[in-house]
């Protein structure tokens, strides 16, 4: 087994080739469009809950956690039933993986949100931007891990 720069170059080449192949598959683009549609509904749920919680005086970071819980429930249900329906595995295992990916996204969201608010961006637009910034992570991690295709064995 090669180690060092040659191995890194070989792995990078393999990843680049796999990514290029994935980009040529129309099914991946359709799946991305479905994921974005689900994400848009989750985005609306998140911002509506966030705005409501802010209205009632909830601290903005706590409001972000509450809105995350509502949106992640929405997104898991729709992604499992629609976006990745052909890749369904056991709901508890997929749900756990989806939650792990979502918690990482929440941590990144809270970091972005805190930074944006600290530099003067109003809380609601800051949350809208923070959500958009973590979306690529969500898609890639959920496609490749949470809802990955099971291999026939």
C-alpha atoms as a PDB file:
ATOM      1  CA  UNK A   1       0.000   0.000   0.000  1.00  0.00           C
ATOM      2  CA  UNK A   2       1.426   3.362  -1.029  1.00  0.00           C
ATOM      3  CA  UNK A   3       1.971   6.069   1.541  1.00  0.00           C
ATOM      4  CA  UNK A   4       3.045   9.656   1.354  1.00  0.00           C
ATOM      5  CA  UNK A   5       2.428  12.079  -1.505  1.00  0.00           C
ATOM      6  CA  UNK A   6       1.807   9.345  -4.104  1.00  0.00           C
ATOM      7  CA  UNK A   7      -1.032   7.851  -2.035  1.00  0.00           C
ATOM      8  CA  UNK A   8      -2.580  11.267  -1.442  1.00  0.00           C
ATOM      9  CA  UNK A   9      -2.434  12.075  -5.146  1.00  0.00           C
ATOM     10  CA  UNK A  10      -3.958   8.713  -6.001  1.00  0.00           C
ATOM     11  CA  UNK A  11      -6.810   9.173  -3.495  1.00  0.00           C
ATOM     12  CA  UNK A  12      -7.419  12.724  -4.694  1.00  0.00           C
ATOM     13  CA  UNK A  13      -7.576  11.503  -8.285  1.00  0.00           C
ATOM     14  CA  UNK A  14     -10.038   8.775  -7.346  1.00  0.00           C
ATOM     15  CA  UNK A  15     -12.239  11.273  -5.495  1.00  0.00           C
ATOM     16  CA  UNK A  16     -12.125  13.694  -8.415  1.00  0.00           C
ATOM     17  CA  UNK A  17     -13.086  10.901 -10.804  1.00  0.00           C
ATOM     18  CA  UNK A  18     -15.953   9.781  -8.555  1.00  0.00           C
ATOM     19  CA  UNK A  19     -17.195  13.355  -8.226  1.00  0.00           C
ATOM     20  CA  UNK A  20     -17.050  13.869 -12.009  1.00  0.00           C
ATOM     21  CA  UNK A  21     -19.001  10.644 -12.539  1.00  0.00           C
ATOM     22  CA  UNK A  22     -21.595  11.671  -9.940  1.00  0.00           C
ATOM     23  CA  UNK A  23     -22.040  15.064 -11.632  1.00  0.00           C
ATOM     24  CA  UNK A  24     -22.834  13.340 -14.954  1.00  0.00           C
ATOM     25  CA  UNK A  25     -25.708  11.300 -13.489  1.00  0.00           C
ATOM     26  CA  UNK A  26     -29.076  13.027 -14.023  1.00  0.00           C
ATOM     27  CA  UNK A  27     -30.529  11.150 -11.042  1.00  0.00           C
ATOM     28  CA  UNK A  28     -28.125  12.988  -8.724  1.00  0.00           C
ATOM     29  CA  UNK A  29     -29.297  16.348 -10.055  1.00  0.00           C
ATOM     30  CA  UNK A  30     -32.936  15.335  -9.593  1.00  0.00           C
ATOM     31  CA  UNK A  31     -32.145  14.196  -6.078  1.00  0.00           C
ATOM     32  CA  UNK A  32     -30.383  17.499  -5.372  1.00  0.00           C
ATOM     33  CA  UNK A  33     -33.453  19.395  -6.644  1.00  0.00           C
ATOM     34  CA  UNK A  34     -35.710  17.350  -4.350  1.00  0.00           C
ATOM     35  CA  UNK A  35     -33.331  17.901  -1.431  1.00  0.00           C
ATOM     36  CA  UNK A  36     -33.404  21.649  -2.111  1.00  0.00           C
ATOM     37  CA  UNK A  37     -37.228  21.635  -2.271  1.00  0.00           C
ATOM     38  CA  UNK A  38     -37.360  19.840   1.078  1.00  0.00           C
ATOM     39  CA  UNK A  39     -34.715  22.226   2.348  1.00  0.00           C
ATOM     40  CA  UNK A  40     -36.801  25.184   1.216  1.00  0.00           C
ATOM     41  CA  UNK A  41     -39.747  23.899   3.231  1.00  0.00           C
ATOM     42  CA  UNK A  42     -37.444  23.354   6.219  1.00  0.00           C
ATOM     43  CA  UNK A  43     -35.988  26.828   5.662  1.00  0.00           C
ATOM     44  CA  UNK A  44     -39.494  28.312   5.834  1.00  0.00           C
ATOM     45  CA  UNK A  45     -40.334  26.269   8.946  1.00  0.00           C
ATOM     46  CA  UNK A  46     -37.044  27.270  10.571  1.00  0.00           C
ATOM     47  CA  UNK A  47     -37.433  30.988   9.895  1.00  0.00           C
ATOM     48  CA  UNK A  48     -41.127  31.029  10.893  1.00  0.00           C
ATOM     49  CA  UNK A  49     -40.442  29.288  14.201  1.00  0.00           C
ATOM     50  CA  UNK A  50     -37.325  31.421  14.773  1.00  0.00           C
ATOM     51  CA  UNK A  51     -39.224  34.670  14.133  1.00  0.00           C
ATOM     52  CA  UNK A  52     -42.072  33.535  16.398  1.00  0.00           C
ATOM     53  CA  UNK A  53     -39.703  32.642  19.224  1.00  0.00           C
ATOM     54  CA  UNK A  54     -37.856  35.960  18.852  1.00  0.00           C
ATOM     55  CA  UNK A  55     -41.215  37.749  18.955  1.00  0.00           C
ATOM     56  CA  UNK A  56     -41.931  36.125  22.304  1.00  0.00           C
ATOM     57  CA  UNK A  57     -38.582  37.272  23.686  1.00  0.00           C
ATOM     58  CA  UNK A  58     -36.625  34.019  23.467  1.00  0.00           C
ATOM     59  CA  UNK A  59     -32.823  34.555  23.343  1.00  0.00           C
ATOM     60  CA  UNK A  60     -31.759  34.326  19.689  1.00  0.00           C
ATOM     61  CA  UNK A  61     -29.428  31.321  20.056  1.00  0.00           C
ATOM     62  CA  UNK A  62     -32.059  29.385  22.014  1.00  0.00           C
ATOM     63  CA  UNK A  63     -34.613  30.379  19.356  1.00  0.00           C
ATOM     64  CA  UNK A  64     -32.227  28.968  16.732  1.00  0.00           C
ATOM     65  CA  UNK A  65     -32.116  25.629  18.569  1.00  0.00           C
ATOM     66  CA  UNK A  66     -35.920  25.529  18.832  1.00  0.00           C
ATOM     67  CA  UNK A  67     -36.383  26.356  15.173  1.00  0.00           C
ATOM     68  CA  UNK A  68     -33.754  23.743  14.289  1.00  0.00           C
ATOM     69  CA  UNK A  69     -35.769  21.048  16.093  1.00  0.00           C
ATOM     70  CA  UNK A  70     -38.899  21.908  14.128  1.00  0.00           C
ATOM     71  CA  UNK A  71     -37.073  22.106  10.795  1.00  0.00           C
ATOM     72  CA  UNK A  72     -35.028  18.927  11.279  1.00  0.00           C
ATOM     73  CA  UNK A  73     -38.207  16.958  11.982  1.00  0.00           C
ATOM     74  CA  UNK A  74     -39.795  18.329   8.807  1.00  0.00           C
ATOM     75  CA  UNK A  75     -36.680  17.670   6.731  1.00  0.00           C
ATOM     76  CA  UNK A  76     -36.081  14.122   7.949  1.00  0.00           C
ATOM     77  CA  UNK A  77     -39.652  13.083   7.222  1.00  0.00           C
ATOM     78  CA  UNK A  78     -39.692  14.552   3.709  1.00  0.00           C
ATOM     79  CA  UNK A  79     -36.177  13.421   2.794  1.00  0.00           C
ATOM     80  CA  UNK A  80     -36.906   9.877   3.943  1.00  0.00           C
ATOM     81  CA  UNK A  81     -40.280   9.710   2.202  1.00  0.00           C
ATOM     82  CA  UNK A  82     -39.440  11.565  -1.002  1.00  0.00           C
ATOM     83  CA  UNK A  83     -35.839  12.601  -1.724  1.00  0.00           C
ATOM     84  CA  UNK A  84     -34.056   9.397  -0.713  1.00  0.00           C
ATOM     85  CA  UNK A  85     -37.031   6.987  -0.816  1.00  0.00           C
ATOM     86  CA  UNK A  86     -35.141   4.402  -2.865  1.00  0.00           C
ATOM     87  CA  UNK A  87     -32.341   4.432  -0.344  1.00  0.00           C
ATOM     88  CA  UNK A  88     -34.407   3.716   2.721  1.00  0.00           C
ATOM     89  CA  UNK A  89     -32.838   1.635   5.396  1.00  0.00           C
ATOM     90  CA  UNK A  90     -33.896   1.095   8.965  1.00  0.00           C
ATOM     91  CA  UNK A  91     -35.624   4.302  10.150  1.00  0.00           C
ATOM     92  CA  UNK A  92     -33.807   4.365  13.503  1.00  0.00           C
ATOM     93  CA  UNK A  93     -30.363   4.037  11.932  1.00  0.00           C
ATOM     94  CA  UNK A  94     -31.103   6.593   9.224  1.00  0.00           C
ATOM     95  CA  UNK A  95     -32.769   8.857  11.754  1.00  0.00           C
ATOM     96  CA  UNK A  96     -29.739   8.695  14.033  1.00  0.00           C
ATOM     97  CA  UNK A  97     -27.368   9.465  11.169  1.00  0.00           C
ATOM     98  CA  UNK A  98     -29.602  12.294   9.990  1.00  0.00           C
ATOM     99  CA  UNK A  99     -29.605  13.696  13.536  1.00  0.00           C
ATOM    100  CA  UNK A 100     -25.800  13.512  13.769  1.00  0.00           C
ATOM    101  CA  UNK A 101     -25.415  15.357  10.453  1.00  0.00           C
ATOM    102  CA  UNK A 102     -28.024  17.886  11.573  1.00  0.00           C
ATOM    103  CA  UNK A 103     -26.361  18.503  14.944  1.00  0.00           C
ATOM    104  CA  UNK A 104     -23.056  19.230  13.171  1.00  0.00           C
ATOM    105  CA  UNK A 105     -24.970  21.589  10.879  1.00  0.00           C
ATOM    106  CA  UNK A 106     -26.626  23.187  13.925  1.00  0.00           C
ATOM    107  CA  UNK A 107     -23.232  23.805  15.531  1.00  0.00           C
ATOM    108  CA  UNK A 108     -21.982  25.450  12.347  1.00  0.00           C
ATOM    109  CA  UNK A 109     -25.246  27.396  12.039  1.00  0.00           C
ATOM    110  CA  UNK A 110     -24.925  28.715  15.605  1.00  0.00           C
ATOM    111  CA  UNK A 111     -21.318  29.739  14.950  1.00  0.00           C
ATOM    112  CA  UNK A 112     -22.239  31.584  11.747  1.00  0.00           C
ATOM    113  CA  UNK A 113     -25.291  33.133  13.418  1.00  0.00           C
ATOM    114  CA  UNK A 114     -23.239  34.367  16.393  1.00  0.00           C
ATOM    115  CA  UNK A 115     -20.612  35.896  14.119  1.00  0.00           C
ATOM    116  CA  UNK A 116     -23.178  37.586  11.883  1.00  0.00           C
ATOM    117  CA  UNK A 117     -25.108  39.028  14.830  1.00  0.00           C
ATOM    118  CA  UNK A 118     -21.842  40.159  16.468  1.00  0.00           C
ATOM    119  CA  UNK A 119     -20.905  42.135  13.338  1.00  0.00           C
ATOM    120  CA  UNK A 120     -24.295  43.841  13.283  1.00  0.00           C
ATOM    121  CA  UNK A 121     -26.458  41.772  10.956  1.00  0.00           C
ATOM    122  CA  UNK A 122     -30.068  41.731  12.259  1.00  0.00           C
ATOM    123  CA  UNK A 123     -31.023  38.396  13.815  1.00  0.00           C
ATOM    124  CA  UNK A 124     -33.586  37.148  11.271  1.00  0.00           C
ATOM    125  CA  UNK A 125     -31.460  37.852   8.157  1.00  0.00           C
ATOM    126  CA  UNK A 126     -28.428  36.447   9.999  1.00  0.00           C
ATOM    127  CA  UNK A 127     -30.303  33.196  10.582  1.00  0.00           C
ATOM    128  CA  UNK A 128     -31.363  33.089   6.924  1.00  0.00           C
ATOM    129  CA  UNK A 129     -27.725  33.427   5.817  1.00  0.00           C
ATOM    130  CA  UNK A 130     -26.452  30.938   8.416  1.00  0.00           C
ATOM    131  CA  UNK A 131     -28.919  28.303   7.221  1.00  0.00           C
ATOM    132  CA  UNK A 132     -27.845  28.810   3.601  1.00  0.00           C
ATOM    133  CA  UNK A 133     -24.180  28.445   4.553  1.00  0.00           C
ATOM    134  CA  UNK A 134     -24.674  24.987   6.092  1.00  0.00           C
ATOM    135  CA  UNK A 135     -26.886  23.595   3.295  1.00  0.00           C
ATOM    136  CA  UNK A 136     -24.051  22.096   1.180  1.00  0.00           C
ATOM    137  CA  UNK A 137     -22.781  20.135   4.222  1.00  0.00           C
ATOM    138  CA  UNK A 138     -26.298  18.853   4.866  1.00  0.00           C
ATOM    139  CA  UNK A 139     -26.807  17.546   1.330  1.00  0.00           C
ATOM    140  CA  UNK A 140     -23.449  15.855   0.922  1.00  0.00           C
ATOM    141  CA  UNK A 141     -23.394  14.283   4.390  1.00  0.00           C
ATOM    142  CA  UNK A 142     -26.985  13.071   4.182  1.00  0.00           C
ATOM    143  CA  UNK A 143     -26.578  11.658   0.673  1.00  0.00           C
ATOM    144  CA  UNK A 144     -23.301   9.923   1.403  1.00  0.00           C
ATOM    145  CA  UNK A 145     -23.973   8.798   4.980  1.00  0.00           C
ATOM    146  CA  UNK A 146     -27.497   9.173   6.355  1.00  0.00           C
ATOM    147  CA  UNK A 147     -29.307   7.859   3.274  1.00  0.00           C
ATOM    148  CA  UNK A 148     -26.501   6.034   1.497  1.00  0.00           C
ATOM    149  CA  UNK A 149     -27.511   3.116  -0.666  1.00  0.00           C
ATOM    150  CA  UNK A 150     -27.190  -0.234   0.986  1.00  0.00           C
ATOM    151  CA  UNK A 151     -24.964  -2.623  -0.856  1.00  0.00           C
ATOM    152  CA  UNK A 152     -26.349  -5.977  -1.826  1.00  0.00           C
ATOM    153  CA  UNK A 153     -24.481  -8.578   0.069  1.00  0.00           C
END
